[in-house]
Amino acid sequence: MEIEKVLQSQRDFFKTQQTKNLSFRRMYLEKLRNLIISNENVLYEAIHKDFGKSKFDTYTTEISFILKDIDYYLKNLKALTKPKKVSTNLVNQLGSSKIYSDPLGCILVIGAWNYPYQLSLSPMIAAIAAGNCCILKPSEIAENTMQAMSQIINENFPSEYLYVYEGGIDETTELLKLKFDKIFFTGSTKVGKIIYKAAAEHLTPVVLELGGKSPAIVTQHANLEIAAKRIVWGKFLNAGQTCVAPDYLLVEESIQEQFLEMLRKYIKEFKYSPDSEQYTQIINQRNFQRLTKLIDHKKIYFGGNFEEEKRYIEPTILNNVDWEDEIMQEEIFGPLLPVISYKNYNIALNTILELEKPLAAYLFTNNTEEKEHFTQRISFGSGCINDTVMQLSNDNLPFGGVGTSGIGNYHGKFGFEAFSHQKSVLEKTTWGEPNIKYPP
């Protein structure tokens, strides 16, 4: 089926106004939820073929997020779509003012390979909850999950409403020539620039969920055991292939040796072996080779082993790293954790300020002043104090980047708003009007 024809059919269907009906939205959200539940094993098998992800990790980091998103919108759809009454200024008395959430129309969602279900289906769910039609282009890098989503959606939903478009770079390039009402992209900053440029040709608004080098700072006032445990979990989840994973550590010099030993302890305790169910493969050979080239064997504190046939890279800590080292020049997106020591907390913050704004940032401390300096001085998309990654699990927090780490945000009501236009309506009475605004 030609994608231009699919898009035109979605435009025609959107004009029928059916997608605006709350019962219609609920019906298809419930249908999608039931399909995901009944096809769980299909989804598990596909992602395991792509990069060895276990059922447990797939459920906790992907399926559960998607089901939670659907449940959120089913529960809150009436409140989200209800017109919001706002105050009316003096000059417009006697009148009333309301803001309506209007669906945008036809949405293009371009997903990512590292969490192929969550980062494809979650924005699509928000788009249909907001009353839109949607074309989903999953990442071809995770080929089996792309095919699984295509099979489940294209066989069970009308293409004029939802459609999964399979393919690679050529197919994505063709998609970007078409005019959509919004484009949602998750991926690298490099590709994000290409998406943004293509969208500008049609004045299409975008949400860009990108990446960057997300710091984690550990001060002498931290609970070091908890910090080490939570950093190891957040960094090596999905073998480091997580956009909000800590990219590098800044550790106060006075606790560095003690803290490094704790990191080593938890890596061993979590048993990230080549055949471990709680550890995944690197997605492909190209990324495997890119990552292994970043390992400076003179700076290995722990790990450094890898098996090319299994696309396995052992969780690796690199110590005595300098800002000029190759590993510090771009986002790592793998199980390598460089550690840089610092003596002065404020100087460490100033160094982060000189870099591009990261997608995430993390601070481990129990010092109130250090927390305040972190939240007030550093610009980042989202973050945690005394944890990593878990900010994503709260629907009440918007998720998105800033600067080169992204544009716009979603999750919960913010996802609904991302795919809606806030339409302002002023209604006036037809009596009691003074003639002040009329000439002469």
Protein backbone atom coordinates (compact mmCIF):
# COMPACT_ATOMS: atom_id res chain seq x y z
CA MET A 1 0.00 0.00 0.00
CA GLU A 2 1.47 3.34 -1.03
CA ILE A 3 2.09 5.51 1.99
CA GLU A 4 0.74 8.65 0.26
CA LYS A 5 -2.59 6.88 -0.18
CA VAL A 6 -2.60 5.83 3.49
CA LEU A 7 -1.96 9.40 4.60
CA GLN A 8 -4.69 10.73 2.30
CA SER A 9 -7.13 8.14 3.64
CA GLN A 10 -6.25 9.28 7.17
CA ARG A 11 -6.84 12.91 6.21
CA ASP A 12 -10.24 11.99 4.77
CA PHE A 13 -11.13 9.92 7.83
CA PHE A 14 -10.10 12.66 10.25
CA LYS A 15 -12.47 15.06 8.48
CA THR A 16 -15.40 12.78 9.35
CA GLN A 17 -14.92 13.90 13.01
CA GLN A 18 -15.14 10.30 14.27
CA THR A 19 -11.77 10.40 16.05
CA LYS A 20 -12.99 13.29 18.20
CA ASN A 21 -15.69 11.13 19.77
CA LEU A 22 -14.68 10.00 23.28
CA SER A 23 -16.38 6.60 22.89
CA PHE A 24 -14.42 6.05 19.69
CA ARG A 25 -11.10 6.87 21.40
CA ARG A 26 -11.90 4.64 24.36
CA MET A 27 -12.95 1.76 22.12
CA TYR A 28 -9.63 1.74 20.26
CA LEU A 29 -7.51 2.31 23.36
CA GLU A 30 -9.21 -0.71 24.97
CA LYS A 31 -8.74 -2.72 21.80
CA LEU A 32 -5.03 -1.90 21.72
CA ARG A 33 -4.65 -2.84 25.39
CA ASN A 34 -6.34 -6.20 24.78
CA LEU A 35 -4.18 -6.87 21.72
CA ILE A 36 -0.97 -6.13 23.61
CA ILE A 37 -1.99 -8.43 26.45
CA SER A 38 -3.05 -11.26 24.10
CA ASN A 39 0.12 -10.88 22.00
CA GLU A 40 2.60 -10.55 24.87
CA ASN A 41 4.49 -13.68 23.88
CA VAL A 42 4.79 -12.47 20.28
CA LEU A 43 6.29 -9.22 21.56
CA TYR A 44 8.64 -11.05 23.94
CA GLU A 45 9.92 -13.37 21.22
CA ALA A 46 10.50 -10.55 18.75
CA ILE A 47 12.55 -8.39 21.11
CA HIS A 48 14.56 -11.39 22.29
CA LYS A 49 15.50 -12.08 18.67
CA ASP A 50 16.61 -8.46 18.22
CA PHE A 51 18.91 -8.13 21.22
CA GLY A 52 18.29 -10.82 23.79
CA LYS A 53 16.02 -8.84 26.10
CA SER A 54 14.33 -10.97 28.76
CA LYS A 55 10.59 -11.21 29.40
CA PHE A 56 11.04 -9.58 32.81
CA ASP A 57 12.95 -6.57 31.45
CA THR A 58 10.60 -6.26 28.47
CA TYR A 59 7.59 -6.20 30.76
CA THR A 60 9.02 -3.79 33.34
CA THR A 61 10.61 -1.32 30.90
CA GLU A 62 8.23 -1.58 27.95
CA ILE A 63 4.91 -3.44 28.19
CA SER A 64 4.02 -2.14 31.67
CA PHE A 65 4.69 1.44 30.57
CA ILE A 66 2.42 1.04 27.54
CA LEU A 67 -0.42 -0.54 29.54
CA LYS A 68 -0.05 2.16 32.19
CA ASP A 69 -0.30 4.85 29.50
CA ILE A 70 -3.50 3.33 28.12
CA ASP A 71 -5.02 3.03 31.59
CA TYR A 72 -4.09 6.65 32.34
CA TYR A 73 -5.92 7.95 29.26
CA LEU A 74 -8.94 5.70 29.78
CA LYS A 75 -9.24 7.02 33.32
CA ASN A 76 -8.56 10.69 32.54
CA LEU A 77 -9.88 11.20 29.00
CA LYS A 78 -13.08 12.95 30.08
CA ALA A 79 -11.19 15.43 32.27
CA LEU A 80 -8.47 16.02 29.65
CA THR A 81 -10.98 16.79 26.88
CA LYS A 82 -13.31 18.91 28.98
CA PRO A 83 -13.14 22.59 27.92
CA LYS A 84 -11.23 24.63 30.49
CA LYS A 85 -13.07 27.70 31.65
CA VAL A 86 -10.79 30.69 32.29
CA SER A 87 -11.46 34.18 33.62
CA THR A 88 -12.67 36.85 31.23
CA ASN A 89 -11.11 40.30 31.37
CA LEU A 90 -13.06 43.48 32.07
CA VAL A 91 -13.22 44.69 28.47
CA ASN A 92 -14.98 41.45 27.42
CA GLN A 93 -17.70 41.50 30.04
CA LEU A 94 -20.38 40.21 29.65
CA GLY A 95 -18.78 37.10 28.19
CA SER A 96 -17.20 33.74 28.97
CA SER A 97 -13.84 32.28 27.91
CA LYS A 98 -12.91 28.65 27.36
CA ILE A 99 -9.94 26.65 26.05
CA TYR A 100 -10.72 23.58 23.96
CA SER A 101 -8.23 20.77 23.33
CA ASP A 102 -8.47 20.19 19.58
CA PRO A 103 -6.79 17.18 17.93
CA LEU A 104 -4.18 18.21 15.38
CA GLY A 105 -5.05 15.69 12.66
CA CYS A 106 -2.56 13.25 11.12
CA ILE A 107 0.48 12.40 13.22
CA LEU A 108 3.76 10.76 12.26
CA VAL A 109 5.55 8.91 15.07
CA ILE A 110 9.11 7.75 14.35
CA GLY A 111 10.21 5.31 17.04
CA ALA A 112 13.60 4.28 18.41
CA TRP A 113 15.26 0.86 18.60
CA ASN A 114 16.53 0.82 22.19
CA TYR A 115 13.05 0.54 23.75
CA PRO A 116 11.25 -0.31 20.52
CA TYR A 117 7.79 -0.90 21.98
CA GLN A 118 7.64 1.86 24.58
CA LEU A 119 9.21 4.58 22.41
CA SER A 120 6.95 3.75 19.46
CA LEU A 121 3.62 2.89 21.06
CA SER A 122 3.57 5.36 23.97
CA PRO A 123 3.57 8.48 21.76
CA MET A 124 1.10 6.78 19.40
CA ILE A 125 -1.22 6.10 22.35
CA ALA A 126 -1.03 9.76 23.39
CA ALA A 127 -1.81 10.80 19.80
CA ILE A 128 -4.93 8.65 19.54
CA ALA A 129 -6.06 9.65 23.06
CA ALA A 130 -5.91 13.25 21.85
CA GLY A 131 -8.19 12.34 18.92
CA ASN A 132 -5.74 12.02 16.01
CA CYS A 133 -4.97 9.54 13.24
CA CYS A 134 -1.43 8.17 13.26
CA ILE A 135 1.21 6.59 11.06
CA LEU A 136 3.88 4.81 13.08
CA LYS A 137 7.36 4.23 11.66
CA PRO A 138 9.25 1.95 14.07
CA SER A 139 13.03 1.69 13.91
CA GLU A 140 14.20 -0.84 11.33
CA ILE A 141 17.30 -1.55 13.45
CA ALA A 142 15.12 -3.65 15.77
CA GLU A 143 13.67 -5.49 12.78
CA ASN A 144 11.70 -8.21 14.56
CA THR A 145 9.91 -5.81 16.89
CA MET A 146 9.06 -3.60 13.90
CA GLN A 147 7.44 -6.59 12.21
CA ALA A 148 5.59 -7.61 15.38
CA MET A 149 4.07 -4.13 15.80
CA SER A 150 3.17 -4.03 12.12
CA GLN A 151 1.42 -7.38 12.32
CA ILE A 152 -0.56 -6.55 15.48
CA ILE A 153 -1.69 -3.08 14.40
CA ASN A 154 -2.12 -3.42 10.65
CA GLU A 155 -4.16 -6.61 10.96
CA ASN A 156 -6.48 -5.20 13.63
CA PHE A 157 -6.94 -1.50 12.93
CA PRO A 158 -8.22 0.33 9.85
CA SER A 159 -5.28 1.87 7.96
CA GLU A 160 -7.20 5.15 7.64
CA TYR A 161 -6.89 5.44 11.43
CA LEU A 162 -3.67 3.67 12.51
CA TYR A 163 -0.95 2.28 10.30
CA VAL A 164 2.55 0.89 10.89
CA TYR A 165 4.92 1.63 8.00
CA GLU A 166 7.86 -0.74 7.77
CA GLY A 167 11.19 0.11 6.16
CA GLY A 168 14.53 1.80 6.59
CA ILE A 169 16.18 5.10 5.75
CA ASP A 170 14.70 5.29 2.24
CA GLU A 171 11.16 4.78 3.52
CA THR A 172 11.65 7.34 6.30
CA THR A 173 13.00 9.84 3.76
CA GLU A 174 9.87 9.38 1.64
CA LEU A 175 7.66 9.83 4.70
CA LEU A 176 9.37 13.11 5.56
CA LYS A 177 8.47 14.55 2.15
CA LEU A 178 4.79 14.35 3.10
CA LYS A 179 2.90 16.93 5.11
CA PHE A 180 1.80 15.82 8.57
CA ASP A 181 0.15 17.85 11.31
CA LYS A 182 2.88 16.89 13.79
CA ILE A 183 5.99 14.74 13.78
CA PHE A 184 7.19 12.94 16.91
CA PHE A 185 10.72 11.56 16.72
CA THR A 186 12.86 9.68 19.23
CA GLY A 187 16.53 9.17 18.37
CA SER A 188 19.88 10.85 18.00
CA THR A 189 20.53 14.59 17.80
CA LYS A 190 22.11 14.07 14.37
CA VAL A 191 18.97 12.51 12.90
CA GLY A 192 16.80 14.95 14.86
CA LYS A 193 18.30 17.79 12.83
CA ILE A 194 17.32 16.01 9.61
CA ILE A 195 13.75 15.53 10.90
CA TYR A 196 13.52 19.18 11.97
CA LYS A 197 14.75 20.42 8.60
CA ALA A 198 12.26 18.25 6.70
CA ALA A 199 9.40 19.34 8.98
CA ALA A 200 10.27 23.01 8.40
CA GLU A 201 9.47 22.61 4.69
CA HIS A 202 5.81 22.17 5.65
CA LEU A 203 5.87 24.28 8.84
CA THR A 204 5.08 21.05 10.68
CA PRO A 205 5.51 21.24 14.46
CA VAL A 206 7.74 18.61 16.03
CA VAL A 207 8.49 16.82 19.26
CA LEU A 208 12.13 15.70 19.23
CA GLU A 209 13.21 13.29 21.97
CA LEU A 210 16.98 13.24 21.52
CA GLY A 211 19.91 12.51 23.83
CA GLY A 212 23.21 13.83 25.07
CA LYS A 213 25.78 13.20 27.77
CA SER A 214 23.78 12.94 30.96
CA PRO A 215 25.90 13.46 34.09
CA ALA A 216 25.56 11.84 37.50
CA ILE A 217 27.24 13.70 40.36
CA VAL A 218 28.19 11.99 43.62
CA THR A 219 29.25 14.20 46.52
CA GLN A 220 30.77 13.34 49.90
CA HIS A 221 27.34 13.98 51.44
CA ALA A 222 25.70 11.11 49.53
CA ASN A 223 24.61 7.76 50.87
CA LEU A 224 27.32 5.98 48.91
CA GLU A 225 25.84 2.48 49.10
CA ILE A 226 22.48 3.64 47.73
CA ALA A 227 24.19 5.84 45.12
CA ALA A 228 26.35 2.99 43.83
CA LYS A 229 23.45 0.54 43.71
CA ARG A 230 21.11 2.91 41.85
CA ILE A 231 23.77 4.16 39.43
CA VAL A 232 24.82 0.62 38.49
CA TRP A 233 21.18 -0.33 37.91
CA GLY A 234 20.36 2.79 35.85
CA LYS A 235 23.56 2.75 33.81
CA PHE A 236 23.60 -0.92 32.86
CA LEU A 237 19.86 -1.36 32.38
CA ASN A 238 19.40 -2.47 28.75
CA ALA A 239 23.23 -2.70 28.53
CA GLY A 240 23.47 1.08 28.77
CA GLN A 241 21.29 1.57 25.68
CA THR A 242 18.98 4.00 27.49
CA CYS A 243 18.72 7.65 26.50
CA VAL A 244 18.39 8.82 30.13
CA ALA A 245 21.08 6.52 31.56
CA PRO A 246 23.95 8.25 33.39
CA ASP A 247 26.52 8.84 30.65
CA TYR A 248 29.41 9.67 32.99
CA LEU A 249 30.11 10.15 36.70
CA LEU A 250 31.52 13.15 38.50
CA VAL A 251 32.72 11.88 41.89
CA GLU A 252 34.13 14.02 44.67
CA GLU A 253 37.82 13.21 45.02
CA SER A 254 37.72 12.48 48.76
CA ILE A 255 35.30 9.53 48.25
CA GLN A 256 36.43 8.35 44.82
CA GLU A 257 38.30 5.17 45.77
CA GLN A 258 35.62 4.10 48.23
CA PHE A 259 32.86 4.74 45.71
CA LEU A 260 34.59 2.95 42.83
CA GLU A 261 34.88 -0.14 45.00
CA MET A 262 31.14 0.03 45.72
CA LEU A 263 30.37 0.25 41.99
CA ARG A 264 32.50 -2.84 41.43
CA LYS A 265 30.66 -4.64 44.24
CA TYR A 266 27.21 -4.03 42.77
CA ILE A 267 28.20 -4.90 39.21
CA LYS A 268 29.39 -8.27 40.53
CA GLU A 269 26.30 -8.68 42.70
CA PHE A 270 23.90 -8.03 39.79
CA LYS A 271 25.61 -10.75 37.70
CA TYR A 272 25.73 -9.14 34.24
CA SER A 273 27.11 -12.24 32.53
CA PRO A 274 26.84 -12.98 28.77
CA ASP A 275 23.93 -15.38 29.39
CA SER A 276 22.24 -13.32 32.10
CA GLU A 277 18.52 -12.62 31.78
CA GLN A 278 19.00 -9.18 33.34
CA TYR A 279 21.43 -8.02 30.67
CA THR A 280 20.94 -7.48 26.94
CA GLN A 281 23.11 -7.63 23.86
CA ILE A 282 24.35 -4.61 21.98
CA ILE A 283 21.81 -4.05 19.20
CA ASN A 284 24.12 -4.69 16.21
CA GLN A 285 27.73 -5.11 15.07
CA ARG A 286 28.15 -1.47 14.12
CA ASN A 287 27.31 -0.28 17.62
CA PHE A 288 29.34 -3.09 19.16
CA GLN A 289 32.45 -2.01 17.25
CA ARG A 290 31.84 1.66 18.01
CA LEU A 291 31.67 0.92 21.73
CA THR A 292 34.68 -1.40 21.95
CA LYS A 293 36.81 1.26 20.25
CA LEU A 294 35.93 3.64 23.09
CA ILE A 295 37.47 1.35 25.73
CA ASP A 296 40.84 2.77 26.77
CA HIS A 297 42.50 -0.30 28.30
CA LYS A 298 44.94 1.87 30.29
CA LYS A 299 42.00 3.39 32.16
CA ILE A 300 39.92 0.30 32.93
CA TYR A 301 39.06 0.10 36.62
CA PHE A 302 36.66 -2.81 36.18
CA GLY A 303 35.44 -4.91 33.25
CA GLY A 304 36.55 -4.31 29.69
CA ASN A 305 35.84 -7.82 28.43
CA PHE A 306 33.62 -8.48 25.42
CA GLU A 307 32.46 -11.28 23.12
CA GLU A 308 31.81 -10.22 19.54
CA GLU A 309 29.76 -13.27 18.56
CA LYS A 310 27.28 -12.62 21.37
CA ARG A 311 27.50 -8.82 20.98
CA TYR A 312 28.30 -8.80 24.71
CA ILE A 313 30.23 -6.02 26.42
CA GLU A 314 30.88 -6.42 30.12
CA PRO A 315 29.86 -3.48 32.32
CA THR A 316 33.02 -1.39 32.29
CA ILE A 317 34.20 1.40 34.59
CA LEU A 318 36.90 3.70 33.24
CA ASN A 319 38.80 5.73 35.82
CA ASN A 320 41.10 8.80 35.59
CA VAL A 321 39.18 9.95 32.53
CA ASP A 322 39.83 13.44 31.11
CA TRP A 323 37.30 15.72 29.41
CA GLU A 324 39.42 15.51 26.25
CA ASP A 325 39.23 11.69 26.01
CA GLU A 326 37.36 10.26 23.02
CA ILE A 327 34.70 8.69 25.25
CA MET A 328 33.74 12.17 26.52
CA GLN A 329 33.11 13.65 23.07
CA GLU A 330 29.67 12.16 22.37
CA GLU A 331 26.89 10.16 23.99
CA ILE A 332 28.14 6.65 24.83
CA PHE A 333 24.85 4.69 24.64
CA GLY A 334 26.41 1.51 25.95
CA PRO A 335 27.73 -0.19 29.11
CA LEU A 336 30.83 1.98 29.54
CA LEU A 337 30.97 4.31 32.54
CA PRO A 338 33.73 6.94 32.61
CA VAL A 339 34.52 8.46 36.02
CA ILE A 340 35.95 11.95 36.48
CA SER A 341 36.92 13.20 39.92
CA TYR A 342 36.40 16.75 41.16
CA LYS A 343 37.52 18.74 44.20
CA ASN A 344 35.08 21.64 44.14
CA TYR A 345 31.33 21.07 43.66
CA ASN A 346 30.61 24.50 42.16
CA ILE A 347 33.43 24.14 39.66
CA ALA A 348 32.00 20.75 38.67
CA LEU A 349 28.61 22.37 38.05
CA ASN A 350 30.26 25.13 36.02
CA THR A 351 31.93 22.50 33.84
CA ILE A 352 28.53 20.91 33.09
CA LEU A 353 27.17 24.37 32.27
CA GLU A 354 29.80 24.76 29.55
CA LEU A 355 28.51 21.63 27.76
CA GLU A 356 25.35 21.06 25.73
CA LYS A 357 22.20 20.75 27.85
CA PRO A 358 21.70 17.03 28.65
CA LEU A 359 18.50 15.01 28.40
CA ALA A 360 18.91 13.94 32.04
CA ALA A 361 21.01 14.76 35.08
CA TYR A 362 21.40 13.07 38.45
CA LEU A 363 22.71 14.17 41.82
CA PHE A 364 23.48 12.01 44.85
CA THR A 365 23.68 14.01 48.05
CA ASN A 366 21.83 14.67 51.30
CA ASN A 367 23.08 18.25 51.45
CA THR A 368 20.27 20.79 50.96
CA GLU A 369 22.52 23.50 49.52
CA GLU A 370 24.00 21.12 46.95
CA LYS A 371 20.49 20.07 45.88
CA GLU A 372 19.44 23.70 45.44
CA HIS A 373 22.51 24.58 43.37
CA PHE A 374 21.91 21.53 41.17
CA THR A 375 18.24 22.27 40.43
CA GLN A 376 18.67 26.04 40.07
CA ARG A 377 21.87 26.24 38.04
CA ILE A 378 21.87 23.24 35.71
CA SER A 379 19.51 23.04 32.71
CA PHE A 380 18.45 19.51 31.76
CA GLY A 381 15.39 17.72 30.43
CA SER A 382 14.53 15.67 33.52
CA GLY A 383 16.39 14.11 36.39
CA CYS A 384 16.51 12.70 39.90
CA ILE A 385 18.11 13.49 43.20
CA ASN A 386 19.34 10.26 44.82
CA ASP A 387 18.14 7.98 42.01
CA THR A 388 18.49 7.42 38.27
CA VAL A 389 16.02 6.86 35.40
CA MET A 390 12.97 6.59 37.70
CA GLN A 391 11.62 10.03 36.75
CA LEU A 392 10.19 8.31 33.65
CA SER A 393 7.85 6.22 35.78
CA ASN A 394 5.85 9.21 37.07
CA ASP A 395 3.02 10.20 34.68
CA ASN A 396 2.72 13.55 36.43
CA LEU A 397 6.19 14.62 35.27
CA PRO A 398 6.77 15.75 31.67
CA PHE A 399 9.49 13.87 29.80
CA GLY A 400 11.54 15.67 27.17
CA GLY A 401 14.79 17.43 26.43
CA VAL A 402 16.06 20.97 26.19
CA GLY A 403 18.41 22.54 23.67
CA THR A 404 20.19 19.86 21.65
CA SER A 405 18.66 17.11 23.81
CA GLY A 406 15.18 17.76 22.46
CA ILE A 407 12.10 19.88 21.81
CA GLY A 408 8.74 19.36 23.54
CA ASN A 409 7.69 16.69 26.01
CA TYR A 410 5.11 13.99 26.70
CA HIS A 411 3.83 11.41 29.26
CA GLY A 412 0.45 11.67 30.94
CA LYS A 413 -1.40 14.94 30.36
CA PHE A 414 1.72 16.35 28.69
CA GLY A 415 1.43 13.68 26.00
CA PHE A 416 -2.22 14.59 25.45
CA GLU A 417 -1.27 18.27 25.15
CA ALA A 418 1.61 17.48 22.78
CA PHE A 419 -0.89 16.21 20.19
CA SER A 420 -3.59 18.81 20.82
CA HIS A 421 -4.09 22.42 19.84
CA GLN A 422 -5.29 24.68 22.64
CA LYS A 423 -8.16 26.47 20.91
CA SER A 424 -9.35 29.69 22.55
CA VAL A 425 -13.01 30.67 22.36
CA LEU A 426 -14.60 33.85 23.71
CA GLU A 427 -18.39 33.86 23.79
CA LYS A 428 -20.21 37.19 24.23
CA THR A 429 -23.77 38.03 25.11
CA THR A 430 -25.78 40.05 22.59
CA TRP A 431 -27.09 42.55 25.11
CA GLY A 432 -25.70 45.17 27.46
CA GLU A 433 -22.82 46.34 25.22
CA PRO A 434 -21.46 49.91 25.48
CA ASN A 435 -20.53 51.69 22.24
CA ILE A 436 -16.97 52.58 23.33
CA LYS A 437 -15.18 50.41 20.70
CA TYR A 438 -17.27 51.61 17.75
CA PRO A 439 -16.51 54.70 15.64
CA PRO A 440 -16.78 57.63 15.46
